[in-house]
Amino acid sequence: SLRLSCAASGSTFSITTMGWYRQAPGKQRELVATIT
C-alpha cells in the first residue's frame, strides 16, 4: 500500500473538486479518483 497526499495553497476558496490522475509511459493521462 501507499498513501498519496496533495496540499493546495493560494486561492483555495474557489476550488470545487480535487482529484488524482495518472499517466504511464506511452499512455494517455487517465482519471483515478475525484472528490467534490
PDB file of all heavy atoms in Angstrom:
ATOM      1  N   SER A   1       0.815  -1.207   0.000  1.00  0.00           N
ATOM      2  CA  SER A   1       0.000   0.000   0.000  1.00  0.00           C
ATOM      3  C   SER A   1       0.846   1.254   0.000  1.00  0.00           C
ATOM      4  O   SER A   1       1.992   1.256   0.457  1.00  0.00           O
ATOM      5  CB  SER A   1      -0.917   0.027   1.234  1.00  0.00           C
ATOM      6  OG  SER A   1      -1.805  -1.072   1.256  1.00  0.00           O
ATOM      7  N   LEU A   2       0.263   2.324  -0.514  1.00  0.00           N
ATOM      8  CA  LEU A   2       0.835   3.661  -0.454  1.00  0.00           C
ATOM      9  C   LEU A   2      -0.283   4.653  -0.191  1.00  0.00           C
ATOM     10  O   LEU A   2      -1.438   4.400  -0.545  1.00  0.00           O
ATOM     11  CB  LEU A   2       1.539   4.048  -1.756  1.00  0.00           C
ATOM     12  CG  LEU A   2       2.922   3.485  -2.035  1.00  0.00           C
ATOM     13  CD1 LEU A   2       3.352   3.867  -3.449  1.00  0.00           C
ATOM     14  CD2 LEU A   2       3.932   3.999  -1.027  1.00  0.00           C
ATOM     15  N   ARG A   3       0.064   5.780   0.401  1.00  0.00           N
ATOM     16  CA  ARG A   3      -0.895   6.857   0.624  1.00  0.00           C
ATOM     17  C   ARG A   3      -0.327   8.146   0.051  1.00  0.00           C
ATOM     18  O   ARG A   3       0.704   8.638   0.513  1.00  0.00           O
ATOM     19  CB  ARG A   3      -1.192   7.026   2.114  1.00  0.00           C
ATOM     20  CG  ARG A   3      -2.310   8.036   2.421  1.00  0.00           C
ATOM     21  CD  ARG A   3      -2.658   8.000   3.906  1.00  0.00           C
ATOM     22  NE  ARG A   3      -3.810   8.816   4.239  1.00  0.00           N
ATOM     23  CZ  ARG A   3      -3.749   9.990   4.863  1.00  0.00           C
ATOM     24  NH1 ARG A   3      -2.580  10.502   5.222  1.00  0.00           N
ATOM     25  NH2 ARG A   3      -4.875  10.660   5.135  1.00  0.00           N
ATOM     26  N   LEU A   4      -1.006   8.688  -0.944  1.00  0.00           N
ATOM     27  CA  LEU A   4      -0.619   9.943  -1.556  1.00  0.00           C
ATOM     28  C   LEU A   4      -1.363  11.097  -0.895  1.00  0.00           C
ATOM     29  O   LEU A   4      -2.523  10.956  -0.503  1.00  0.00           O
ATOM     30  CB  LEU A   4      -0.922   9.948  -3.055  1.00  0.00           C
ATOM     31  CG  LEU A   4      -0.332   8.814  -3.891  1.00  0.00           C
ATOM     32  CD1 LEU A   4      -0.692   9.021  -5.364  1.00  0.00           C
ATOM     33  CD2 LEU A   4       1.173   8.727  -3.705  1.00  0.00           C
ATOM     34  N   SER A   5      -0.696  12.236  -0.803  1.00  0.00           N
ATOM     35  CA  SER A   5      -1.307  13.433  -0.251  1.00  0.00           C
ATOM     36  C   SER A   5      -1.034  14.607  -1.170  1.00  0.00           C
ATOM     37  O   SER A   5       0.003  14.671  -1.832  1.00  0.00           O
ATOM     38  CB  SER A   5      -0.768  13.735   1.148  1.00  0.00           C
ATOM     39  OG  SER A   5      -1.083  12.700   2.054  1.00  0.00           O
ATOM     40  N   CYS A   6      -1.962  15.546  -1.201  1.00  0.00           N
ATOM     41  CA  CYS A   6      -1.825  16.751  -2.004  1.00  0.00           C
ATOM     42  C   CYS A   6      -2.363  17.926  -1.202  1.00  0.00           C
ATOM     43  O   CYS A   6      -3.533  17.922  -0.804  1.00  0.00           O
ATOM     44  CB  CYS A   6      -2.581  16.615  -3.327  1.00  0.00           C
ATOM     45  SG  CYS A   6      -2.586  18.112  -4.337  1.00  0.00           S
ATOM     46  N   ALA A   7      -1.512  18.907  -0.987  1.00  0.00           N
ATOM     47  CA  ALA A   7      -1.891  20.102  -0.251  1.00  0.00           C
ATOM     48  C   ALA A   7      -2.013  21.276  -1.213  1.00  0.00           C
ATOM     49  O   ALA A   7      -1.095  21.538  -1.999  1.00  0.00           O
ATOM     50  CB  ALA A   7      -0.868  20.410   0.831  1.00  0.00           C
ATOM     51  N   ALA A   8      -3.130  21.971  -1.156  1.00  0.00           N
ATOM     52  CA  ALA A   8      -3.383  23.122  -2.010  1.00  0.00           C
ATOM     53  C   ALA A   8      -3.214  24.407  -1.224  1.00  0.00           C
ATOM     54  O   ALA A   8      -3.615  24.497  -0.058  1.00  0.00           O
ATOM     55  CB  ALA A   8      -4.792  23.052  -2.605  1.00  0.00           C
ATOM     56  N   SER A   9      -2.631  25.392  -1.864  1.00  0.00           N
ATOM     57  CA  SER A   9      -2.475  26.707  -1.257  1.00  0.00           C
ATOM     58  C   SER A   9      -2.775  27.774  -2.296  1.00  0.00           C
ATOM     59  O   SER A   9      -2.751  27.521  -3.495  1.00  0.00           O
ATOM     60  CB  SER A   9      -1.072  26.892  -0.683  1.00  0.00           C
ATOM     61  OG  SER A   9      -0.094  26.790  -1.702  1.00  0.00           O
ATOM     62  N   GLY A  10      -3.054  28.971  -1.828  1.00  0.00           N
ATOM     63  CA  GLY A  10      -3.408  30.066  -2.708  1.00  0.00           C
ATOM     64  C   GLY A  10      -4.889  30.372  -2.617  1.00  0.00           C
ATOM     65  O   GLY A  10      -5.451  30.421  -1.531  1.00  0.00           O
ATOM     66  N   SER A  11      -5.520  30.543  -3.772  1.00  0.00           N
ATOM     67  CA  SER A  11      -6.941  30.891  -3.832  1.00  0.00           C
ATOM     68  C   SER A  11      -7.813  29.650  -3.698  1.00  0.00           C
ATOM     69  O   SER A  11      -8.626  29.330  -4.573  1.00  0.00           O
ATOM     70  CB  SER A  11      -7.243  31.637  -5.131  1.00  0.00           C
ATOM     71  OG  SER A  11      -6.483  32.823  -5.223  1.00  0.00           O
ATOM     72  N   THR A  12      -7.655  28.946  -2.597  1.00  0.00           N
ATOM     73  CA  THR A  12      -8.316  27.659  -2.426  1.00  0.00           C
ATOM     74  C   THR A  12      -9.817  27.785  -2.189  1.00  0.00           C
ATOM     75  O   THR A  12     -10.541  26.795  -2.299  1.00  0.00           O
ATOM     76  CB  THR A  12      -7.681  26.877  -1.274  1.00  0.00           C
ATOM     77  OG1 THR A  12      -7.734  27.660  -0.080  1.00  0.00           O
ATOM     78  CG2 THR A  12      -6.229  26.551  -1.594  1.00  0.00           C
ATOM     79  N   PHE A  13     -10.291  28.970  -1.877  1.00  0.00           N
ATOM     80  CA  PHE A  13     -11.723  29.154  -1.643  1.00  0.00           C
ATOM     81  C   PHE A  13     -12.540  28.891  -2.893  1.00  0.00           C
ATOM     82  O   PHE A  13     -13.734  28.618  -2.807  1.00  0.00           O
ATOM     83  CB  PHE A  13     -12.002  30.570  -1.126  1.00  0.00           C
ATOM     84  CG  PHE A  13     -11.551  31.653  -2.057  1.00  0.00           C
ATOM     85  CD1 PHE A  13     -12.382  32.110  -3.075  1.00  0.00           C
ATOM     86  CD2 PHE A  13     -10.295  32.226  -1.935  1.00  0.00           C
ATOM     87  CE1 PHE A  13     -11.976  33.106  -3.944  1.00  0.00           C
ATOM     88  CE2 PHE A  13      -9.870  33.225  -2.801  1.00  0.00           C
ATOM     89  CZ  PHE A  13     -10.709  33.662  -3.802  1.00  0.00           C
ATOM     90  N   SER A  14     -11.919  28.955  -4.058  1.00  0.00           N
ATOM     91  CA  SER A  14     -12.628  28.779  -5.319  1.00  0.00           C
ATOM     92  C   SER A  14     -12.682  27.328  -5.791  1.00  0.00           C
ATOM     93  O   SER A  14     -13.335  27.041  -6.783  1.00  0.00           O
ATOM     94  CB  SER A  14     -11.979  29.630  -6.409  1.00  0.00           C
ATOM     95  OG  SER A  14     -10.651  29.196  -6.674  1.00  0.00           O
ATOM     96  N   ILE A  15     -12.031  26.416  -5.098  1.00  0.00           N
ATOM     97  CA  ILE A  15     -11.944  25.019  -5.530  1.00  0.00           C
ATOM     98  C   ILE A  15     -13.269  24.311  -5.290  1.00  0.00           C
ATOM     99  O   ILE A  15     -13.846  24.409  -4.210  1.00  0.00           O
ATOM    100  CB  ILE A  15     -10.804  24.292  -4.804  1.00  0.00           C
ATOM    101  CG1 ILE A  15      -9.455  24.898  -5.182  1.00  0.00           C
ATOM    102  CG2 ILE A  15     -10.828  22.799  -5.141  1.00  0.00           C
ATOM    103  CD1 ILE A  15      -8.295  24.356  -4.375  1.00  0.00           C
ATOM    104  N   THR A  16     -13.719  23.572  -6.290  1.00  0.00           N
ATOM    105  CA  THR A  16     -14.944  22.790  -6.170  1.00  0.00           C
ATOM    106  C   THR A  16     -14.684  21.292  -6.164  1.00  0.00           C
ATOM    107  O   THR A  16     -15.456  20.538  -5.573  1.00  0.00           O
ATOM    108  CB  THR A  16     -15.913  23.112  -7.311  1.00  0.00           C
ATOM    109  OG1 THR A  16     -15.277  22.865  -8.569  1.00  0.00           O
ATOM    110  CG2 THR A  16     -16.350  24.573  -7.249  1.00  0.00           C
ATOM    111  N   THR A  17     -13.617  20.841  -6.825  1.00  0.00           N
ATOM    112  CA  THR A  17     -13.308  19.425  -6.929  1.00  0.00           C
ATOM    113  C   THR A  17     -11.807  19.217  -6.851  1.00  0.00           C
ATOM    114  O   THR A  17     -11.035  19.990  -7.411  1.00  0.00           O
ATOM    115  CB  THR A  17     -13.835  18.835  -8.253  1.00  0.00           C
ATOM    116  OG1 THR A  17     -15.237  19.077  -8.366  1.00  0.00           O
ATOM    117  CG2 THR A  17     -13.590  17.334  -8.319  1.00  0.00           C
ATOM    118  N   MET A  18     -11.389  18.151  -6.171  1.00  0.00           N
ATOM    119  CA  MET A  18      -9.995  17.746  -6.143  1.00  0.00           C
ATOM    120  C   MET A  18      -9.914  16.283  -6.542  1.00  0.00           C
ATOM    121  O   MET A  18     -10.854  15.518  -6.310  1.00  0.00           O
ATOM    122  CB  MET A  18      -9.379  17.941  -4.755  1.00  0.00           C
ATOM    123  CG  MET A  18      -9.438  19.373  -4.241  1.00  0.00           C
ATOM    124  SD  MET A  18      -8.560  19.618  -2.669  1.00  0.00           S
ATOM    125  CE  MET A  18      -6.842  19.532  -3.223  1.00  0.00           C
ATOM    126  N   GLY A  19      -8.796  15.903  -7.144  1.00  0.00           N
ATOM    127  CA  GLY A  19      -8.686  14.525  -7.563  1.00  0.00           C
ATOM    128  C   GLY A  19      -7.288  14.131  -7.961  1.00  0.00           C
ATOM    129  O   GLY A  19      -6.338  14.913  -7.868  1.00  0.00           O
ATOM    130  N   TRP A  20      -7.182  12.871  -8.389  1.00  0.00           N
ATOM    131  CA  TRP A  20      -5.924  12.295  -8.817  1.00  0.00           C
ATOM    132  C   TRP A  20      -6.058  11.708 -10.211  1.00  0.00           C
ATOM    133  O   TRP A  20      -7.049  11.032 -10.530  1.00  0.00           O
ATOM    134  CB  TRP A  20      -5.474  11.189  -7.860  1.00  0.00           C
ATOM    135  CG  TRP A  20      -5.096  11.703  -6.507  1.00  0.00           C
ATOM    136  CD1 TRP A  20      -5.887  11.818  -5.409  1.00  0.00           C
ATOM    137  CD2 TRP A  20      -3.803  12.176  -6.112  1.00  0.00           C
ATOM    138  NE1 TRP A  20      -5.184  12.331  -4.357  1.00  0.00           N
ATOM    139  CE2 TRP A  20      -3.900  12.566  -4.755  1.00  0.00           C
ATOM    140  CE3 TRP A  20      -2.577  12.314  -6.772  1.00  0.00           C
ATOM    141  CZ2 TRP A  20      -2.810  13.074  -4.048  1.00  0.00           C
ATOM    142  CZ3 TRP A  20      -1.500  12.825  -6.071  1.00  0.00           C
ATOM    143  CH2 TRP A  20      -1.622  13.193  -4.725  1.00  0.00           C
ATOM    144  N   TYR A  21      -5.063  11.959 -11.037  1.00  0.00           N
ATOM    145  CA  TYR A  21      -4.932  11.375 -12.355  1.00  0.00           C
ATOM    146  C   TYR A  21      -3.571  10.712 -12.443  1.00  0.00           C
ATOM    147  O   TYR A  21      -2.671  11.026 -11.667  1.00  0.00           O
ATOM    148  CB  TYR A  21      -5.072  12.435 -13.447  1.00  0.00           C
ATOM    149  CG  TYR A  21      -6.459  13.044 -13.539  1.00  0.00           C
ATOM    150  CD1 TYR A  21      -6.937  13.898 -12.548  1.00  0.00           C
ATOM    151  CD2 TYR A  21      -7.293  12.766 -14.623  1.00  0.00           C
ATOM    152  CE1 TYR A  21      -8.201  14.457 -12.629  1.00  0.00           C
ATOM    153  CE2 TYR A  21      -8.557  13.323 -14.712  1.00  0.00           C
ATOM    154  CZ  TYR A  21      -8.998  14.166 -13.714  1.00  0.00           C
ATOM    155  OH  TYR A  21     -10.262  14.719 -13.803  1.00  0.00           O
ATOM    156  N   ARG A  22      -3.411   9.784 -13.386  1.00  0.00           N
ATOM    157  CA  ARG A  22      -2.122   9.135 -13.542  1.00  0.00           C
ATOM    158  C   ARG A  22      -1.794   8.962 -15.013  1.00  0.00           C
ATOM    159  O   ARG A  22      -2.674   8.901 -15.864  1.00  0.00           O
ATOM    160  CB  ARG A  22      -2.095   7.781 -12.823  1.00  0.00           C
ATOM    161  CG  ARG A  22      -3.012   6.724 -13.424  1.00  0.00           C
ATOM    162  CD  ARG A  22      -3.030   5.484 -12.543  1.00  0.00           C
ATOM    163  NE  ARG A  22      -3.866   4.432 -13.101  1.00  0.00           N
ATOM    164  CZ  ARG A  22      -4.152   3.301 -12.469  1.00  0.00           C
ATOM    165  NH1 ARG A  22      -3.657   3.074 -11.248  1.00  0.00           N
ATOM    166  NH2 ARG A  22      -4.922   2.387 -13.051  1.00  0.00           N
ATOM    167  N   GLN A  23      -0.498   8.871 -15.287  1.00  0.00           N
ATOM    168  CA  GLN A  23      -0.025   8.691 -16.651  1.00  0.00           C
ATOM    169  C   GLN A  23       1.154   7.737 -16.653  1.00  0.00           C
ATOM    170  O   GLN A  23       2.190   8.011 -16.034  1.00  0.00           O
ATOM    171  CB  GLN A  23       0.371  10.027 -17.281  1.00  0.00           C
ATOM    172  CG  GLN A  23       0.709   9.930 -18.756  1.00  0.00           C
ATOM    173  CD  GLN A  23       0.792  11.292 -19.414  1.00  0.00           C
ATOM    174  OE1 GLN A  23       1.002  12.304 -18.746  1.00  0.00           O
ATOM    175  NE2 GLN A  23       0.613  11.329 -20.717  1.00  0.00           N
ATOM    176  N   ALA A  24       0.991   6.612 -17.336  1.00  0.00           N
ATOM    177  CA  ALA A  24       2.059   5.645 -17.516  1.00  0.00           C
ATOM    178  C   ALA A  24       2.830   5.987 -18.787  1.00  0.00           C
ATOM    179  O   ALA A  24       2.297   6.638 -19.689  1.00  0.00           O
ATOM    180  CB  ALA A  24       1.492   4.232 -17.594  1.00  0.00           C
ATOM    181  N   PRO A  25       4.083   5.541 -18.901  1.00  0.00           N
ATOM    182  CA  PRO A  25       4.871   5.835 -20.095  1.00  0.00           C
ATOM    183  C   PRO A  25       4.167   5.383 -21.373  1.00  0.00           C
ATOM    184  O   PRO A  25       3.696   4.248 -21.461  1.00  0.00           O
ATOM    185  CB  PRO A  25       6.159   5.061 -19.869  1.00  0.00           C
ATOM    186  CG  PRO A  25       6.278   4.957 -18.384  1.00  0.00           C
ATOM    187  CD  PRO A  25       4.861   4.805 -17.895  1.00  0.00           C
ATOM    188  N   GLY A  26       4.078   6.278 -22.345  1.00  0.00           N
ATOM    189  CA  GLY A  26       3.469   5.963 -23.618  1.00  0.00           C
ATOM    190  C   GLY A  26       1.959   5.914 -23.623  1.00  0.00           C
ATOM    191  O   GLY A  26       1.368   5.536 -24.637  1.00  0.00           O
ATOM    192  N   LYS A  27       1.320   6.281 -22.523  1.00  0.00           N
ATOM    193  CA  LYS A  27      -0.129   6.225 -22.431  1.00  0.00           C
ATOM    194  C   LYS A  27      -0.720   7.593 -22.111  1.00  0.00           C
ATOM    195  O   LYS A  27      -0.019   8.499 -21.679  1.00  0.00           O
ATOM    196  CB  LYS A  27      -0.568   5.210 -21.375  1.00  0.00           C
ATOM    197  CG  LYS A  27      -0.199   3.771 -21.699  1.00  0.00           C
ATOM    198  CD  LYS A  27      -0.814   2.811 -20.702  1.00  0.00           C
ATOM    199  CE  LYS A  27      -0.527   1.371 -21.078  1.00  0.00           C
ATOM    200  NZ  LYS A  27      -1.155   0.420 -20.122  1.00  0.00           N
ATOM    201  N   GLN A  28      -2.023   7.714 -22.342  1.00  0.00           N
ATOM    202  CA  GLN A  28      -2.739   8.943 -22.030  1.00  0.00           C
ATOM    203  C   GLN A  28      -2.939   9.088 -20.525  1.00  0.00           C
ATOM    204  O   GLN A  28      -3.019   8.095 -19.797  1.00  0.00           O
ATOM    205  CB  GLN A  28      -4.096   8.955 -22.731  1.00  0.00           C
ATOM    206  CG  GLN A  28      -4.032   8.952 -24.249  1.00  0.00           C
ATOM    207  CD  GLN A  28      -3.590  10.290 -24.797  1.00  0.00           C
ATOM    208  OE1 GLN A  28      -3.980  11.339 -24.298  1.00  0.00           O
ATOM    209  NE2 GLN A  28      -2.764  10.250 -25.826  1.00  0.00           N
ATOM    210  N   ARG A  29      -3.015  10.325 -20.073  1.00  0.00           N
ATOM    211  CA  ARG A  29      -3.357  10.576 -18.684  1.00  0.00           C
ATOM    212  C   ARG A  29      -4.804  10.160 -18.443  1.00  0.00           C
ATOM    213  O   ARG A  29      -5.690  10.456 -19.254  1.00  0.00           O
ATOM    214  CB  ARG A  29      -3.157  12.050 -18.348  1.00  0.00           C
ATOM    215  CG  ARG A  29      -3.312  12.375 -16.878  1.00  0.00           C
ATOM    216  CD  ARG A  29      -2.964  13.826 -16.576  1.00  0.00           C
ATOM    217  NE  ARG A  29      -1.568  14.121 -16.884  1.00  0.00           N
ATOM    218  CZ  ARG A  29      -0.980  15.286 -16.623  1.00  0.00           C
ATOM    219  NH1 ARG A  29      -1.667  16.261 -16.029  1.00  0.00           N
ATOM    220  NH2 ARG A  29       0.283  15.468 -16.946  1.00  0.00           N
ATOM    221  N   GLU A  30      -5.053   9.477 -17.339  1.00  0.00           N
ATOM    222  CA  GLU A  30      -6.381   8.971 -17.041  1.00  0.00           C
ATOM    223  C   GLU A  30      -6.806   9.341 -15.632  1.00  0.00           C
ATOM    224  O   GLU A  30      -5.988   9.502 -14.730  1.00  0.00           O
ATOM    225  CB  GLU A  30      -6.437   7.447 -17.208  1.00  0.00           C
ATOM    226  CG  GLU A  30      -5.569   6.685 -16.223  1.00  0.00           C
ATOM    227  CD  GLU A  30      -5.710   5.182 -16.342  1.00  0.00           C
ATOM    228  OE1 GLU A  30      -6.569   4.718 -17.117  1.00  0.00           O
ATOM    229  OE2 GLU A  30      -4.953   4.458 -15.657  1.00  0.00           O
ATOM    230  N   LEU A  31      -8.105   9.455 -15.459  1.00  0.00           N
ATOM    231  CA  LEU A  31      -8.672   9.731 -14.148  1.00  0.00           C
ATOM    232  C   LEU A  31      -8.503   8.525 -13.239  1.00  0.00           C
ATOM    233  O   LEU A  31      -8.711   7.388 -13.654  1.00  0.00           O
ATOM    234  CB  LEU A  31     -10.152  10.087 -14.288  1.00  0.00           C
ATOM    235  CG  LEU A  31     -10.924  10.421 -13.006  1.00  0.00           C
ATOM    236  CD1 LEU A  31     -12.000  11.457 -13.304  1.00  0.00           C
ATOM    237  CD2 LEU A  31     -11.567   9.168 -12.413  1.00  0.00           C
ATOM    238  N   VAL A  32      -8.125   8.789 -11.995  1.00  0.00           N
ATOM    239  CA  VAL A  32      -8.065   7.757 -10.967  1.00  0.00           C
ATOM    240  C   VAL A  32      -9.237   7.912 -10.010  1.00  0.00           C
ATOM    241  O   VAL A  32     -10.017   6.984  -9.796  1.00  0.00           O
ATOM    242  CB  VAL A  32      -6.740   7.792 -10.195  1.00  0.00           C
ATOM    243  CG1 VAL A  32      -6.725   6.725  -9.103  1.00  0.00           C
ATOM    244  CG2 VAL A  32      -5.566   7.602 -11.148  1.00  0.00           C
ATOM    245  N   ALA A  33      -9.371   9.091  -9.414  1.00  0.00           N
ATOM    246  CA  ALA A  33     -10.446   9.345  -8.463  1.00  0.00           C
ATOM    247  C   ALA A  33     -10.611  10.844  -8.275  1.00  0.00           C
ATOM    248  O   ALA A  33      -9.642  11.593  -8.353  1.00  0.00           O
ATOM    249  CB  ALA A  33     -10.165   8.674  -7.113  1.00  0.00           C
ATOM    250  N   THR A  34     -11.836  11.271  -8.018  1.00  0.00           N
ATOM    251  CA  THR A  34     -12.123  12.666  -7.708  1.00  0.00           C
ATOM    252  C   THR A  34     -13.065  12.743  -6.524  1.00  0.00           C
ATOM    253  O   THR A  34     -13.788  11.787  -6.221  1.00  0.00           O
ATOM    254  CB  THR A  34     -12.755  13.420  -8.893  1.00  0.00           C
ATOM    255  OG1 THR A  34     -14.008  12.813  -9.238  1.00  0.00           O
ATOM    256  CG2 THR A  34     -11.839  13.418 -10.098  1.00  0.00           C
ATOM    257  N   ILE A  35     -13.064  13.903  -5.876  1.00  0.00           N
ATOM    258  CA  ILE A  35     -13.973  14.151  -4.764  1.00  0.00           C
ATOM    259  C   ILE A  35     -14.384  15.611  -4.800  1.00  0.00           C
ATOM    260  O   ILE A  35     -13.560  16.503  -5.002  1.00  0.00           O
ATOM    261  CB  ILE A  35     -13.334  13.763  -3.412  1.00  0.00           C
ATOM    262  CG1 ILE A  35     -14.342  13.911  -2.273  1.00  0.00           C
ATOM    263  CG2 ILE A  35     -12.074  14.575  -3.145  1.00  0.00           C
ATOM    264  CD1 ILE A  35     -13.875  13.249  -0.976  1.00  0.00           C
ATOM    265  N   THR A  36     -15.671  15.883  -4.628  1.00  0.00           N
ATOM    266  CA  THR A  36     -16.188  17.243  -4.644  1.00  0.00           C
ATOM    267  C   THR A  36     -16.109  17.859  -3.258  1.00  0.00           C
ATOM    268  O   THR A  36     -15.829  17.192  -2.265  1.00  0.00           O
ATOM    269  CB  THR A  36     -17.641  17.274  -5.130  1.00  0.00           C
ATOM    270  OG1 THR A  36     -18.483  16.638  -4.152  1.00  0.00           O
ATOM    271  CG2 THR A  36     -17.788  16.564  -6.467  1.00  0.00           C
TER     272      THR A  36
END
